[in-house]
PDB file of N, CA and C in Angstrom:
ATOM      1  N   MET A   1      -7.391 -14.018  36.770  1.00  0.00           N
ATOM      2  CA  MET A   1      -7.769 -13.003  35.820  1.00  0.00           C
ATOM      3  C   MET A   1      -6.490 -12.367  35.283  1.00  0.00           C
ATOM      4  N   ASN A   2      -6.373 -12.308  33.972  1.00  0.00           N
ATOM      5  CA  ASN A   2      -5.266 -11.640  33.303  1.00  0.00           C
ATOM      6  C   ASN A   2      -5.830 -10.450  32.530  1.00  0.00           C
ATOM      7  N   ILE A   3      -5.068  -9.357  32.474  1.00  0.00           N
ATOM      8  CA  ILE A   3      -5.526  -8.161  31.774  1.00  0.00           C
ATOM      9  C   ILE A   3      -4.443  -7.730  30.796  1.00  0.00           C
ATOM     10  N   ALA A   4      -4.809  -7.644  29.507  1.00  0.00           N
ATOM     11  CA  ALA A   4      -3.898  -7.158  28.477  1.00  0.00           C
ATOM     12  C   ALA A   4      -4.226  -5.691  28.208  1.00  0.00           C
ATOM     13  N   ASP A   5      -3.202  -4.849  28.144  1.00  0.00           N
ATOM     14  CA  ASP A   5      -3.355  -3.425  27.881  1.00  0.00           C
ATOM     15  C   ASP A   5      -2.931  -3.174  26.442  1.00  0.00           C
ATOM     16  N   ASN A   6      -3.913  -3.088  25.542  1.00  0.00           N
ATOM     17  CA  ASN A   6      -3.651  -2.841  24.127  1.00  0.00           C
ATOM     18  C   ASN A   6      -3.829  -1.353  23.832  1.00  0.00           C
ATOM     19  N   GLU A   7      -3.496  -0.959  22.624  1.00  0.00           N
ATOM     20  CA  GLU A   7      -3.566   0.465  22.273  1.00  0.00           C
ATOM     21  C   GLU A   7      -4.980   1.020  22.395  1.00  0.00           C
ATOM     22  N   ALA A   8      -5.973   0.300  21.895  1.00  0.00           N
ATOM     23  CA  ALA A   8      -7.341   0.821  21.871  1.00  0.00           C
ATOM     24  C   ALA A   8      -8.262   0.209  22.924  1.00  0.00           C
ATOM     25  N   ASN A   9      -7.800  -0.851  23.601  1.00  0.00           N
ATOM     26  CA  ASN A   9      -8.679  -1.503  24.573  1.00  0.00           C
ATOM     27  C   ASN A   9      -7.871  -2.283  25.609  1.00  0.00           C
ATOM     28  N   PHE A  10      -8.582  -2.694  26.627  1.00  0.00           N
ATOM     29  CA  PHE A  10      -8.073  -3.664  27.588  1.00  0.00           C
ATOM     30  C   PHE A  10      -8.790  -4.972  27.296  1.00  0.00           C
ATOM     31  N   GLU A  11      -8.117  -6.095  27.465  1.00  0.00           N
ATOM     32  CA  GLU A  11      -8.762  -7.395  27.346  1.00  0.00           C
ATOM     33  C   GLU A  11      -8.578  -8.128  28.663  1.00  0.00           C
ATOM     34  N   VAL A  12      -9.694  -8.551  29.230  1.00  0.00           N
ATOM     35  CA  VAL A  12      -9.691  -9.270  30.497  1.00  0.00           C
ATOM     36  C   VAL A  12      -9.925 -10.745  30.186  1.00  0.00           C
ATOM     37  N   TYR A  13      -9.035 -11.602  30.671  1.00  0.00           N
ATOM     38  CA  TYR A  13      -9.138 -13.038  30.461  1.00  0.00           C
ATOM     39  C   TYR A  13      -9.436 -13.701  31.804  1.00  0.00           C
ATOM     40  N   VAL A  14     -10.541 -14.451  31.842  1.00  0.00           N
ATOM     41  CA  VAL A  14     -10.935 -15.146  33.065  1.00  0.00           C
ATOM     42  C   VAL A  14     -11.059 -16.634  32.746  1.00  0.00           C
ATOM     43  N   TYR A  15     -10.376 -17.465  33.509  1.00  0.00           N
ATOM     44  CA  TYR A  15     -10.461 -18.912  33.335  1.00  0.00           C
ATOM     45  C   TYR A  15     -11.838 -19.365  33.810  1.00  0.00           C
ATOM     46  N   ALA A  16     -12.655 -19.839  32.879  1.00  0.00           N
ATOM     47  CA  ALA A  16     -14.025 -20.225  33.203  1.00  0.00           C
ATOM     48  C   ALA A  16     -14.376 -21.573  32.586  1.00  0.00           C
ATOM     49  N   LEU A  17     -13.471 -22.516  32.654  1.00  0.00           N
ATOM     50  CA  LEU A  17     -13.689 -23.840  32.092  1.00  0.00           C
ATOM     51  C   LEU A  17     -14.862 -24.516  32.795  1.00  0.00           C
ATOM     52  N   GLY A  18     -15.800 -25.017  32.017  1.00  0.00           N
ATOM     53  CA  GLY A  18     -16.953 -25.723  32.572  1.00  0.00           C
ATOM     54  C   GLY A  18     -18.125 -24.825  32.907  1.00  0.00           C
ATOM     55  N   TYR A  19     -17.990 -23.515  32.721  1.00  0.00           N
ATOM     56  CA  TYR A  19     -19.089 -22.587  32.983  1.00  0.00           C
ATOM     57  C   TYR A  19     -19.761 -22.243  31.658  1.00  0.00           C
ATOM     58  N   ASP A  20     -21.054 -22.551  31.542  1.00  0.00           N
ATOM     59  CA  ASP A  20     -21.800 -22.198  30.347  1.00  0.00           C
ATOM     60  C   ASP A  20     -21.985 -20.691  30.299  1.00  0.00           C
ATOM     61  N   LYS A  21     -21.971 -20.127  29.086  1.00  0.00           N
ATOM     62  CA  LYS A  21     -22.095 -18.676  28.968  1.00  0.00           C
ATOM     63  C   LYS A  21     -23.411 -18.163  29.534  1.00  0.00           C
ATOM     64  N   GLU A  22     -24.425 -19.017  29.571  1.00  0.00           N
ATOM     65  CA  GLU A  22     -25.707 -18.624  30.153  1.00  0.00           C
ATOM     66  C   GLU A  22     -25.608 -18.422  31.668  1.00  0.00           C
ATOM     67  N   ASN A  23     -24.580 -18.995  32.283  1.00  0.00           N
ATOM     68  CA  ASN A  23     -24.398 -18.902  33.736  1.00  0.00           C
ATOM     69  C   ASN A  23     -23.322 -17.902  34.141  1.00  0.00           C
ATOM     70  N   ILE A  24     -22.884 -17.086  33.181  1.00  0.00           N
ATOM     71  CA  ILE A  24     -21.901 -16.047  33.464  1.00  0.00           C
ATOM     72  C   ILE A  24     -22.591 -14.697  33.377  1.00  0.00           C
ATOM     73  N   LYS A  25     -22.361 -13.864  34.374  1.00  0.00           N
ATOM     74  CA  LYS A  25     -22.982 -12.540  34.414  1.00  0.00           C
ATOM     75  C   LYS A  25     -21.878 -11.484  34.429  1.00  0.00           C
ATOM     76  N   ILE A  26     -22.018 -10.479  33.556  1.00  0.00           N
ATOM     77  CA  ILE A  26     -21.073  -9.376  33.481  1.00  0.00           C
ATOM     78  C   ILE A  26     -21.872  -8.088  33.591  1.00  0.00           C
ATOM     79  N   SER A  27     -21.445  -7.210  34.488  1.00  0.00           N
ATOM     80  CA  SER A  27     -22.146  -5.936  34.652  1.00  0.00           C
ATOM     81  C   SER A  27     -21.156  -4.859  35.070  1.00  0.00           C
ATOM     82  N   VAL A  28     -21.588  -3.604  34.903  1.00  0.00           N
ATOM     83  CA  VAL A  28     -20.795  -2.456  35.341  1.00  0.00           C
ATOM     84  C   VAL A  28     -21.682  -1.602  36.221  1.00  0.00           C
ATOM     85  N   GLN A  29     -21.157  -1.259  37.381  1.00  0.00           N
ATOM     86  CA  GLN A  29     -21.877  -0.376  38.294  1.00  0.00           C
ATOM     87  C   GLN A  29     -20.854   0.487  39.016  1.00  0.00           C
ATOM     88  N   ASP A  30     -21.093   1.785  39.031  1.00  0.00           N
ATOM     89  CA  ASP A  30     -20.203   2.732  39.708  1.00  0.00           C
ATOM     90  C   ASP A  30     -18.749   2.577  39.255  1.00  0.00           C
ATOM     91  N   ASP A  31     -18.548   2.416  37.935  1.00  0.00           N
ATOM     92  CA  ASP A  31     -17.227   2.308  37.318  1.00  0.00           C
ATOM     93  C   ASP A  31     -16.453   1.069  37.777  1.00  0.00           C
ATOM     94  N   ILE A  32     -17.173   0.033  38.186  1.00  0.00           N
ATOM     95  CA  ILE A  32     -16.564  -1.243  38.549  1.00  0.00           C
ATOM     96  C   ILE A  32     -17.172  -2.336  37.677  1.00  0.00           C
ATOM     97  N   LEU A  33     -16.313  -3.142  37.066  1.00  0.00           N
ATOM     98  CA  LEU A  33     -16.747  -4.276  36.255  1.00  0.00           C
ATOM     99  C   LEU A  33     -16.900  -5.479  37.169  1.00  0.00           C
ATOM    100  N   TYR A  34     -18.059  -6.119  37.116  1.00  0.00           N
ATOM    101  CA  TYR A  34     -18.329  -7.316  37.906  1.00  0.00           C
ATOM    102  C   TYR A  34     -18.480  -8.494  36.947  1.00  0.00           C
ATOM    103  N   ILE A  35     -17.775  -9.567  37.227  1.00  0.00           N
ATOM    104  CA  ILE A  35     -17.871 -10.800  36.440  1.00  0.00           C
ATOM    105  C   ILE A  35     -18.116 -11.930  37.428  1.00  0.00           C
ATOM    106  N   SER A  36     -19.175 -12.715  37.194  1.00  0.00           N
ATOM    107  CA  SER A  36     -19.437 -13.851  38.076  1.00  0.00           C
ATOM    108  C   SER A  36     -19.960 -15.021  37.253  1.00  0.00           C
ATOM    109  N   GLY A  37     -19.780 -16.190  37.800  1.00  0.00           N
ATOM    110  CA  GLY A  37     -20.268 -17.398  37.147  1.00  0.00           C
ATOM    111  C   GLY A  37     -20.660 -18.428  38.182  1.00  0.00           C
ATOM    112  N   THR A  38     -21.661 -19.221  37.839  1.00  0.00           N
ATOM    113  CA  THR A  38     -22.100 -20.307  38.713  1.00  0.00           C
ATOM    114  C   THR A  38     -22.353 -21.550  37.870  1.00  0.00           C
ATOM    115  N   ARG A  39     -22.260 -22.674  38.513  1.00  0.00           N
ATOM    116  CA  ARG A  39     -22.621 -23.931  37.853  1.00  0.00           C
ATOM    117  C   ARG A  39     -23.017 -24.922  38.931  1.00  0.00           C
ATOM    118  N   SER A  40     -23.805 -25.884  38.532  1.00  0.00           N
ATOM    119  CA  SER A  40     -24.224 -26.902  39.493  1.00  0.00           C
ATOM    120  C   SER A  40     -23.215 -28.041  39.475  1.00  0.00           C
ATOM    121  N   VAL A  41     -22.970 -28.570  40.649  1.00  0.00           N
ATOM    122  CA  VAL A  41     -22.056 -29.701  40.788  1.00  0.00           C
ATOM    123  C   VAL A  41     -22.710 -30.738  41.680  1.00  0.00           C
ATOM    124  N   ASP A  42     -22.286 -31.947  41.529  1.00  0.00           N
ATOM    125  CA  ASP A  42     -22.785 -33.038  42.365  1.00  0.00           C
ATOM    126  C   ASP A  42     -22.103 -32.950  43.727  1.00  0.00           C
ATOM    127  N   GLU A  43     -22.824 -32.479  44.716  1.00  0.00           N
ATOM    128  CA  GLU A  43     -22.270 -32.279  46.066  1.00  0.00           C
ATOM    129  C   GLU A  43     -21.775 -33.598  46.681  1.00  0.00           C
ATOM    130  N   GLU A  44     -22.333 -34.711  46.234  1.00  0.00           N
ATOM    131  CA  GLU A  44     -21.943 -36.005  46.778  1.00  0.00           C
ATOM    132  C   GLU A  44     -20.580 -36.475  46.255  1.00  0.00           C
ATOM    133  N   ASN A  45     -20.176 -35.956  45.093  1.00  0.00           N
ATOM    134  CA  ASN A  45     -18.938 -36.423  44.461  1.00  0.00           C
ATOM    135  C   ASN A  45     -17.954 -35.283  44.192  1.00  0.00           C
ATOM    136  N   LEU A  46     -17.799 -34.400  45.139  1.00  0.00           N
ATOM    137  CA  LEU A  46     -16.830 -33.320  44.972  1.00  0.00           C
ATOM    138  C   LEU A  46     -15.419 -33.884  45.032  1.00  0.00           C
ATOM    139  N   PRO A  47     -14.524 -33.375  44.186  1.00  0.00           N
ATOM    140  CA  PRO A  47     -13.147 -33.871  44.216  1.00  0.00           C
ATOM    141  C   PRO A  47     -12.461 -33.508  45.534  1.00  0.00           C
ATOM    142  N   ASN A  48     -11.524 -34.334  45.944  1.00  0.00           N
ATOM    143  CA  ASN A  48     -10.760 -34.087  47.157  1.00  0.00           C
ATOM    144  C   ASN A  48      -9.382 -33.573  46.737  1.00  0.00           C
ATOM    145  N   PHE A  49      -9.327 -32.289  46.367  1.00  0.00           N
ATOM    146  CA  PHE A  49      -8.088 -31.699  45.883  1.00  0.00           C
ATOM    147  C   PHE A  49      -7.104 -31.480  47.028  1.00  0.00           C
ATOM    148  N   SER A  50      -5.828 -31.713  46.766  1.00  0.00           N
ATOM    149  CA  SER A  50      -4.798 -31.312  47.724  1.00  0.00           C
ATOM    150  C   SER A  50      -4.368 -29.874  47.444  1.00  0.00           C
ATOM    151  N   LYS A  51      -4.590 -29.410  46.210  1.00  0.00           N
ATOM    152  CA  LYS A  51      -4.359 -28.017  45.833  1.00  0.00           C
ATOM    153  C   LYS A  51      -5.395 -27.668  44.773  1.00  0.00           C
ATOM    154  N   GLN A  52      -6.016 -26.494  44.910  1.00  0.00           N
ATOM    155  CA  GLN A  52      -7.074 -26.089  43.977  1.00  0.00           C
ATOM    156  C   GLN A  52      -6.767 -24.696  43.455  1.00  0.00           C
ATOM    157  N   GLU A  53      -6.661 -24.552  42.126  1.00  0.00           N
ATOM    158  CA  GLU A  53      -6.335 -23.261  41.527  1.00  0.00           C
ATOM    159  C   GLU A  53      -7.518 -22.597  40.839  1.00  0.00           C
ATOM    160  N   TYR A  54      -8.562 -23.324  40.540  1.00  0.00           N
ATOM    161  CA  TYR A  54      -9.724 -22.691  39.939  1.00  0.00           C
ATOM    162  C   TYR A  54     -10.982 -23.154  40.659  1.00  0.00           C
ATOM    163  N   PRO A  55     -12.031 -22.329  40.635  1.00  0.00           N
ATOM    164  CA  PRO A  55     -13.237 -22.625  41.405  1.00  0.00           C
ATOM    165  C   PRO A  55     -14.070 -23.762  40.803  1.00  0.00           C
ATOM    166  N   ILE A  56     -14.745 -24.476  41.668  1.00  0.00           N
ATOM    167  CA  ILE A  56     -15.584 -25.593  41.245  1.00  0.00           C
ATOM    168  C   ILE A  56     -17.029 -25.148  40.998  1.00  0.00           C
ATOM    169  N   LYS A  57     -17.622 -24.413  41.958  1.00  0.00           N
ATOM    170  CA  LYS A  57     -19.046 -24.073  41.883  1.00  0.00           C
ATOM    171  C   LYS A  57     -19.322 -22.656  41.406  1.00  0.00           C
ATOM    172  N   SER A  58     -18.503 -21.710  41.791  1.00  0.00           N
ATOM    173  CA  SER A  58     -18.783 -20.326  41.416  1.00  0.00           C
ATOM    174  C   SER A  58     -17.511 -19.492  41.499  1.00  0.00           C
ATOM    175  N   PHE A  59     -17.561 -18.334  40.834  1.00  0.00           N
ATOM    176  CA  PHE A  59     -16.468 -17.383  40.931  1.00  0.00           C
ATOM    177  C   PHE A  59     -17.023 -15.972  40.814  1.00  0.00           C
ATOM    178  N   GLU A  60     -16.260 -15.009  41.302  1.00  0.00           N
ATOM    179  CA  GLU A  60     -16.616 -13.606  41.165  1.00  0.00           C
ATOM    180  C   GLU A  60     -15.332 -12.795  41.095  1.00  0.00           C
ATOM    181  N   ARG A  61     -15.268 -11.900  40.144  1.00  0.00           N
ATOM    182  CA  ARG A  61     -14.125 -11.010  39.994  1.00  0.00           C
ATOM    183  C   ARG A  61     -14.660  -9.587  39.863  1.00  0.00           C
ATOM    184  N   MET A  62     -13.907  -8.631  40.408  1.00  0.00           N
ATOM    185  CA  MET A  62     -14.256  -7.222  40.302  1.00  0.00           C
ATOM    186  C   MET A  62     -13.039  -6.468  39.803  1.00  0.00           C
ATOM    187  N   LEU A  63     -13.270  -5.475  38.954  1.00  0.00           N
ATOM    188  CA  LEU A  63     -12.185  -4.699  38.389  1.00  0.00           C
ATOM    189  C   LEU A  63     -12.599  -3.236  38.338  1.00  0.00           C
ATOM    190  N   ASN A  64     -11.826  -2.372  39.006  1.00  0.00           N
ATOM    191  CA  ASN A  64     -12.091  -0.943  38.965  1.00  0.00           C
ATOM    192  C   ASN A  64     -11.659  -0.418  37.605  1.00  0.00           C
ATOM    193  N   LEU A  65     -12.546   0.280  36.909  1.00  0.00           N
ATOM    194  CA  LEU A  65     -12.258   0.757  35.561  1.00  0.00           C
ATOM    195  C   LEU A  65     -11.555   2.120  35.558  1.00  0.00           C
ATOM    196  N   ASN A  66     -11.523   2.792  36.670  1.00  0.00           N
ATOM    197  CA  ASN A  66     -10.777   4.050  36.837  1.00  0.00           C
ATOM    198  C   ASN A  66     -11.105   5.117  35.792  1.00  0.00           C
ATOM    199  N   GLY A  67     -12.327   5.114  35.286  1.00  0.00           N
ATOM    200  CA  GLY A  67     -12.727   6.129  34.313  1.00  0.00           C
ATOM    201  C   GLY A  67     -12.040   6.010  32.967  1.00  0.00           C
ATOM    202  N   LYS A  68     -11.410   4.874  32.667  1.00  0.00           N
ATOM    203  CA  LYS A  68     -10.642   4.705  31.436  1.00  0.00           C
ATOM    204  C   LYS A  68     -11.373   3.918  30.348  1.00  0.00           C
ATOM    205  N   VAL A  69     -12.599   3.462  30.630  1.00  0.00           N
ATOM    206  CA  VAL A  69     -13.286   2.554  29.711  1.00  0.00           C
ATOM    207  C   VAL A  69     -14.592   3.168  29.209  1.00  0.00           C
ATOM    208  N   ASP A  70     -14.848   3.005  27.901  1.00  0.00           N
ATOM    209  CA  ASP A  70     -16.139   3.366  27.317  1.00  0.00           C
ATOM    210  C   ASP A  70     -17.077   2.197  27.593  1.00  0.00           C
ATOM    211  N   VAL A  71     -17.847   2.291  28.668  1.00  0.00           N
ATOM    212  CA  VAL A  71     -18.656   1.153  29.116  1.00  0.00           C
ATOM    213  C   VAL A  71     -19.739   0.762  28.123  1.00  0.00           C
ATOM    214  N   THR A  72     -20.126   1.657  27.210  1.00  0.00           N
ATOM    215  CA  THR A  72     -21.156   1.318  26.226  1.00  0.00           C
ATOM    216  C   THR A  72     -20.645   0.356  25.165  1.00  0.00           C
ATOM    217  N   GLY A  73     -19.324   0.195  25.051  1.00  0.00           N
ATOM    218  CA  GLY A  73     -18.765  -0.668  24.013  1.00  0.00           C
ATOM    219  C   GLY A  73     -18.182  -1.970  24.519  1.00  0.00           C
ATOM    220  N   ILE A  74     -18.433  -2.327  25.767  1.00  0.00           N
ATOM    221  CA  ILE A  74     -17.878  -3.561  26.330  1.00  0.00           C
ATOM    222  C   ILE A  74     -18.489  -4.775  25.639  1.00  0.00           C
ATOM    223  N   THR A  75     -17.638  -5.735  25.261  1.00  0.00           N
ATOM    224  CA  THR A  75     -18.107  -6.984  24.657  1.00  0.00           C
ATOM    225  C   THR A  75     -17.466  -8.155  25.378  1.00  0.00           C
ATOM    226  N   ALA A  76     -18.066  -9.332  25.205  1.00  0.00           N
ATOM    227  CA  ALA A  76     -17.531 -10.537  25.846  1.00  0.00           C
ATOM    228  C   ALA A  76     -17.757 -11.741  24.950  1.00  0.00           C
ATOM    229  N   LYS A  77     -16.819 -12.689  25.032  1.00  0.00           N
ATOM    230  CA  LYS A  77     -16.952 -13.960  24.319  1.00  0.00           C
ATOM    231  C   LYS A  77     -16.257 -15.027  25.138  1.00  0.00           C
ATOM    232  N   GLN A  78     -16.594 -16.270  24.834  1.00  0.00           N
ATOM    233  CA  GLN A  78     -15.982 -17.389  25.539  1.00  0.00           C
ATOM    234  C   GLN A  78     -15.334 -18.308  24.506  1.00  0.00           C
ATOM    235  N   GLU A  79     -14.045 -18.581  24.707  1.00  0.00           N
ATOM    236  CA  GLU A  79     -13.295 -19.451  23.787  1.00  0.00           C
ATOM    237  C   GLU A  79     -12.477 -20.452  24.581  1.00  0.00           C
ATOM    238  N   ASP A  80     -12.694 -21.727  24.324  1.00  0.00           N
ATOM    239  CA  ASP A  80     -11.894 -22.797  24.940  1.00  0.00           C
ATOM    240  C   ASP A  80     -11.794 -22.673  26.455  1.00  0.00           C
ATOM    241  N   GLY A  81     -12.913 -22.336  27.099  1.00  0.00           N
ATOM    242  CA  GLY A  81     -12.936 -22.247  28.559  1.00  0.00           C
ATOM    243  C   GLY A  81     -12.410 -20.943  29.123  1.00  0.00           C
ATOM    244  N   ILE A  82     -12.068 -20.002  28.257  1.00  0.00           N
ATOM    245  CA  ILE A  82     -11.586 -18.690  28.690  1.00  0.00           C
ATOM    246  C   ILE A  82     -12.635 -17.648  28.329  1.00  0.00           C
ATOM    247  N   LEU A  83     -13.050 -16.871  29.315  1.00  0.00           N
ATOM    248  CA  LEU A  83     -13.942 -15.746  29.091  1.00  0.00           C
ATOM    249  C   LEU A  83     -13.076 -14.544  28.748  1.00  0.00           C
ATOM    250  N   ILE A  84     -13.346 -13.898  27.611  1.00  0.00           N
ATOM    251  CA  ILE A  84     -12.574 -12.732  27.169  1.00  0.00           C
ATOM    252  C   ILE A  84     -13.513 -11.537  27.129  1.00  0.00           C
ATOM    253  N   VAL A  85     -13.256 -10.553  27.983  1.00  0.00           N
ATOM    254  CA  VAL A  85     -14.059  -9.337  28.038  1.00  0.00           C
ATOM    255  C   VAL A  85     -13.203  -8.213  27.461  1.00  0.00           C
ATOM    256  N   THR A  86     -13.714  -7.566  26.410  1.00  0.00           N
ATOM    257  CA  THR A  86     -12.992  -6.475  25.763  1.00  0.00           C
ATOM    258  C   THR A  86     -13.560  -5.156  26.262  1.00  0.00           C
ATOM    259  N   LEU A  87     -12.668  -4.329  26.797  1.00  0.00           N
ATOM    260  CA  LEU A  87     -13.047  -3.041  27.366  1.00  0.00           C
ATOM    261  C   LEU A  87     -12.422  -1.943  26.517  1.00  0.00           C
ATOM    262  N   PRO A  88     -13.210  -1.292  25.643  1.00  0.00           N
ATOM    263  CA  PRO A  88     -12.633  -0.233  24.811  1.00  0.00           C
ATOM    264  C   PRO A  88     -12.215   0.960  25.669  1.00  0.00           C
ATOM    265  N   LYS A  89     -11.025   1.472  25.394  1.00  0.00           N
ATOM    266  CA  LYS A  89     -10.542   2.628  26.141  1.00  0.00           C
ATOM    267  C   LYS A  89     -11.273   3.887  25.668  1.00  0.00           C
ATOM    268  N   ASN A  90     -11.535   4.800  26.601  1.00  0.00           N
ATOM    269  CA  ASN A  90     -12.079   6.090  26.199  1.00  0.00           C
ATOM    270  C   ASN A  90     -10.923   6.970  25.718  1.00  0.00           C
ATOM    271  N   ALA A  91     -11.226   8.163  25.193  1.00  0.00           N
ATOM    272  CA  ALA A  91     -10.201   9.032  24.605  1.00  0.00           C
ATOM    273  C   ALA A  91      -9.117   9.395  25.618  1.00  0.00           C
ATOM    274  N   GLU A  92      -9.488   9.621  26.857  1.00  0.00           N
ATOM    275  CA  GLU A  92      -8.514   9.994  27.884  1.00  0.00           C
ATOM    276  C   GLU A  92      -7.496   8.882  28.117  1.00  0.00           C
ATOM    277  N   ALA A  93      -7.944   7.643  28.119  1.00  0.00           N
ATOM    278  CA  ALA A  93      -7.059   6.513  28.383  1.00  0.00           C
ATOM    279  C   ALA A  93      -6.142   6.202  27.205  1.00  0.00           C
ATOM    280  N   GLN A  94      -6.493   6.679  26.005  1.00  0.00           N
ATOM    281  CA  GLN A  94      -5.689   6.390  24.818  1.00  0.00           C
ATOM    282  C   GLN A  94      -4.548   7.384  24.605  1.00  0.00           C
ATOM    283  N   LYS A  95      -4.468   8.415  25.436  1.00  0.00           N
ATOM    284  CA  LYS A  95      -3.372   9.373  25.310  1.00  0.00           C
ATOM    285  C   LYS A  95      -2.058   8.668  25.633  1.00  0.00           C
ATOM    286  N   PRO A  96      -1.007   8.983  24.871  1.00  0.00           N
ATOM    287  CA  PRO A  96       0.274   8.338  25.161  1.00  0.00           C
ATOM    288  C   PRO A  96       0.814   8.781  26.521  1.00  0.00           C
ATOM    289  N   SER A  97       1.576   7.899  27.123  1.00  0.00           N
ATOM    290  CA  SER A  97       2.162   8.247  28.414  1.00  0.00           C
ATOM    291  C   SER A  97       3.260   9.282  28.213  1.00  0.00           C
ATOM    292  N   GLN A  98       3.527  10.016  29.241  1.00  0.00           N
ATOM    293  CA  GLN A  98       4.535  11.070  29.178  1.00  0.00           C
ATOM    294  C   GLN A  98       5.713  10.672  30.060  1.00  0.00           C
ATOM    295  N   GLU A  99       6.899  10.723  29.476  1.00  0.00           N
ATOM    296  CA  GLU A  99       8.100  10.413  30.252  1.00  0.00           C
ATOM    297  C   GLU A  99       8.591  11.662  30.965  1.00  0.00           C
ATOM    298  N   ILE A 100       9.018  11.468  32.181  1.00  0.00           N
ATOM    299  CA  ILE A 100       9.547  12.551  32.998  1.00  0.00           C
ATOM    300  C   ILE A 100      11.044  12.319  33.155  1.00  0.00           C
ATOM    301  N   PRO A 101      11.857  13.253  32.698  1.00  0.00           N
ATOM    302  CA  PRO A 101      13.310  13.059  32.821  1.00  0.00           C
ATOM    303  C   PRO A 101      13.742  13.205  34.289  1.00  0.00           C
ATOM    304  N   VAL A 102      14.746  12.446  34.651  1.00  0.00           N
ATOM    305  CA  VAL A 102      15.315  12.530  35.985  1.00  0.00           C
ATOM    306  C   VAL A 102      16.554  13.402  35.900  1.00  0.00           C
ATOM    307  N   ASN A 103      16.589  14.469  36.672  1.00  0.00           N
ATOM    308  CA  ASN A 103      17.735  15.399  36.660  1.00  0.00           C
ATOM    309  C   ASN A 103      18.758  15.024  37.701  1.00  0.00           C
TER     310      ASN A 103
END
């Protein structure tokens, strides 16, 4: 999962190659974003990986939103095997950061 911090939103990128959008579930509960996906695979012909970087049958990711996201405006799309979830920042999260001088 990669997260881009843009001026007006966060964008969450999840590698979901081979997962149909109908089998991906996105929800928010108690200020936590939940993303999960499942797919059916032939149990008889599972690959014998020596190293595996992405899931074969299912995945689940959780992200604490820390009160910085307008959950009513969350959107999602899937492009080229990447799930992109856009999390609009609320007004508090859009305030510029403040630099503290070191004396």
